[in-house]
Amino acid sequence: MRGLRRRVGGADLAAVPEVRHALREMLGHWRERDSAAVAELLMSELVTNALVHTETGAVVTATVADSRLRVEVRDFVAALPAPPEPHRPVPGDATNGRGLALVRSLADDWGIRARPVGKVVWFELDGEAA
């Protein structure tokens, strides 16, 4: 099993491309390049959400086991995000509001799990190792 773990500081949006790069390196062995690109996009959305909507930062973990990637972004704020509404499109000029909808539509599985302090937003993708 391969994995990564990174702590990102509150409001440190520069951490998003750094974590993306680390995930890209970790997934370099996947034959499914499209799945790796989707993983980067979805992880970026979750990390950005955590950094924009919390002041405490987040912990990002990614693991690959049996050709299945699981990415978790844990923050330390108790409020749960509003679930994406499939019937309410985001206006074309909006600068936010698409993150969880992207996760819902592109991930093989995803969810939100409350923790004693904060929450974990996660997704899984199937891929094939080279």
Protein backbone atom coordinates (compact mmCIF):
# COMPACT_ATOMS: atom_id res chain seq x y z
CA MET A 1 0.00 0.00 0.00
CA ARG A 2 1.29 3.44 -0.93
CA GLY A 3 0.18 6.69 0.59
CA LEU A 4 0.76 10.29 1.44
CA ARG A 5 -0.12 12.48 4.39
CA ARG A 6 0.17 16.26 4.48
CA ARG A 7 -0.91 18.92 6.95
CA VAL A 8 -1.95 22.15 5.23
CA GLY A 9 -2.26 25.42 7.09
CA GLY A 10 -5.42 27.47 7.34
CA ALA A 11 -5.94 29.80 4.37
CA ASP A 12 -2.68 28.57 2.75
CA LEU A 13 -4.00 28.14 -0.78
CA ALA A 14 -0.40 27.75 -2.02
CA ALA A 15 -0.58 24.30 -0.44
CA VAL A 16 -3.12 23.14 -3.04
CA PRO A 17 -0.66 22.78 -5.96
CA GLU A 18 1.93 21.26 -3.60
CA VAL A 19 -0.49 18.54 -2.51
CA ARG A 20 -1.58 18.01 -6.13
CA HIS A 21 2.05 17.46 -7.11
CA ALA A 22 2.54 14.95 -4.28
CA LEU A 23 -0.56 13.03 -5.40
CA ARG A 24 0.61 13.10 -9.03
CA GLU A 25 3.96 11.61 -7.96
CA MET A 26 2.21 8.96 -5.88
CA LEU A 27 -0.04 7.96 -8.81
CA GLY A 28 2.73 7.90 -11.40
CA HIS A 29 2.40 4.10 -11.61
CA TRP A 30 -1.28 4.11 -12.65
CA ARG A 31 -2.03 3.07 -16.22
CA GLU A 32 -5.25 5.05 -16.05
CA ARG A 33 -3.86 8.54 -16.58
CA ASP A 34 -7.40 9.91 -16.78
CA SER A 35 -8.16 8.54 -13.31
CA ALA A 36 -5.01 10.16 -11.93
CA ALA A 37 -6.03 13.51 -13.45
CA VAL A 38 -9.52 13.18 -11.96
CA ALA A 39 -7.97 12.35 -8.58
CA GLU A 40 -5.88 15.53 -8.72
CA LEU A 41 -8.91 17.64 -9.60
CA LEU A 42 -11.12 16.19 -6.88
CA MET A 43 -8.41 16.39 -4.23
CA SER A 44 -7.80 20.03 -5.18
CA GLU A 45 -11.48 20.79 -4.74
CA LEU A 46 -11.64 19.19 -1.30
CA VAL A 47 -8.42 20.82 -0.06
CA THR A 48 -9.51 24.21 -1.38
CA ASN A 49 -12.90 23.85 0.34
CA ALA A 50 -11.22 22.96 3.62
CA LEU A 51 -8.84 25.92 3.42
CA VAL A 52 -11.43 28.46 2.30
CA HIS A 53 -14.11 27.43 4.80
CA THR A 54 -11.95 26.83 7.88
CA GLU A 55 -9.22 28.72 9.66
CA THR A 56 -7.62 25.67 11.24
CA GLY A 57 -6.13 23.98 8.19
CA ALA A 58 -6.59 20.36 7.23
CA VAL A 59 -4.90 17.00 7.02
CA VAL A 60 -4.83 15.34 3.61
CA THR A 61 -4.27 11.61 3.27
CA ALA A 62 -4.24 9.46 0.17
CA THR A 63 -3.80 5.71 0.02
CA VAL A 64 -3.79 3.17 -2.77
CA ALA A 65 -4.69 -0.42 -2.00
CA ASP A 66 -5.75 -3.04 -4.53
CA SER A 67 -5.86 -0.44 -7.35
CA ARG A 68 -8.30 1.73 -5.39
CA LEU A 69 -7.38 5.26 -4.39
CA ARG A 70 -8.90 6.83 -1.28
CA VAL A 71 -8.36 10.51 -0.54
CA GLU A 72 -9.50 12.05 2.73
CA VAL A 73 -9.41 15.71 3.72
CA ARG A 74 -9.98 16.24 7.42
CA ASP A 75 -10.69 19.64 8.90
CA PHE A 76 -11.26 20.61 12.49
CA VAL A 77 -14.53 22.58 12.23
CA ALA A 78 -17.72 20.85 13.30
CA ALA A 79 -20.06 22.27 10.63
CA LEU A 80 -20.89 19.82 7.86
CA PRO A 81 -20.94 21.14 4.29
CA ALA A 82 -24.26 21.42 2.54
CA PRO A 83 -24.69 18.49 0.14
CA PRO A 84 -24.64 19.42 -3.54
CA GLU A 85 -28.10 19.89 -4.99
CA PRO A 86 -28.43 18.12 -8.33
CA HIS A 87 -31.39 20.19 -9.47
CA ARG A 88 -29.81 23.61 -8.72
CA PRO A 89 -27.18 24.49 -11.32
CA VAL A 90 -24.40 26.87 -10.37
CA PRO A 91 -24.57 30.11 -12.37
CA GLY A 92 -21.92 30.25 -15.11
CA ASP A 93 -20.22 33.30 -13.60
CA ALA A 94 -20.11 31.94 -10.02
CA THR A 95 -16.63 31.57 -8.53
CA ASN A 96 -17.55 28.73 -6.17
CA GLY A 97 -20.16 26.06 -5.53
CA ARG A 98 -18.98 23.30 -7.87
CA GLY A 99 -16.54 21.34 -5.67
CA LEU A 100 -18.80 18.75 -4.06
CA ALA A 101 -20.87 18.46 -7.24
CA LEU A 102 -17.67 17.52 -9.11
CA VAL A 103 -16.77 15.00 -6.43
CA ARG A 104 -20.25 13.49 -6.54
CA SER A 105 -20.25 13.18 -10.32
CA LEU A 106 -16.67 11.98 -10.92
CA ALA A 107 -15.76 9.80 -7.93
CA ASP A 108 -16.60 6.11 -7.79
CA ASP A 109 -17.65 6.65 -4.17
CA TRP A 110 -17.55 9.60 -1.76
CA GLY A 111 -18.91 10.82 1.52
CA ILE A 112 -18.68 13.03 4.58
CA ARG A 113 -17.96 11.60 8.00
CA ALA A 114 -18.30 13.61 11.21
CA ARG A 115 -15.45 13.26 13.69
CA PRO A 116 -15.40 14.20 17.39
CA VAL A 117 -13.69 17.41 16.27
CA GLY A 118 -14.32 18.32 12.64
CA LYS A 119 -15.13 16.13 9.68
CA VAL A 120 -13.59 14.07 6.90
CA VAL A 121 -14.67 14.53 3.29
CA TRP A 122 -13.45 11.61 1.19
CA PHE A 123 -13.62 10.06 -2.24
CA GLU A 124 -12.49 6.84 -3.89
CA LEU A 125 -11.48 6.07 -7.46
CA ASP A 126 -10.70 2.77 -9.12
CA GLY A 127 -7.51 2.61 -11.13
CA GLU A 128 -5.12 0.06 -12.52
CA ALA A 129 -1.48 -0.05 -11.56
CA ALA A 130 1.12 -0.30 -14.31
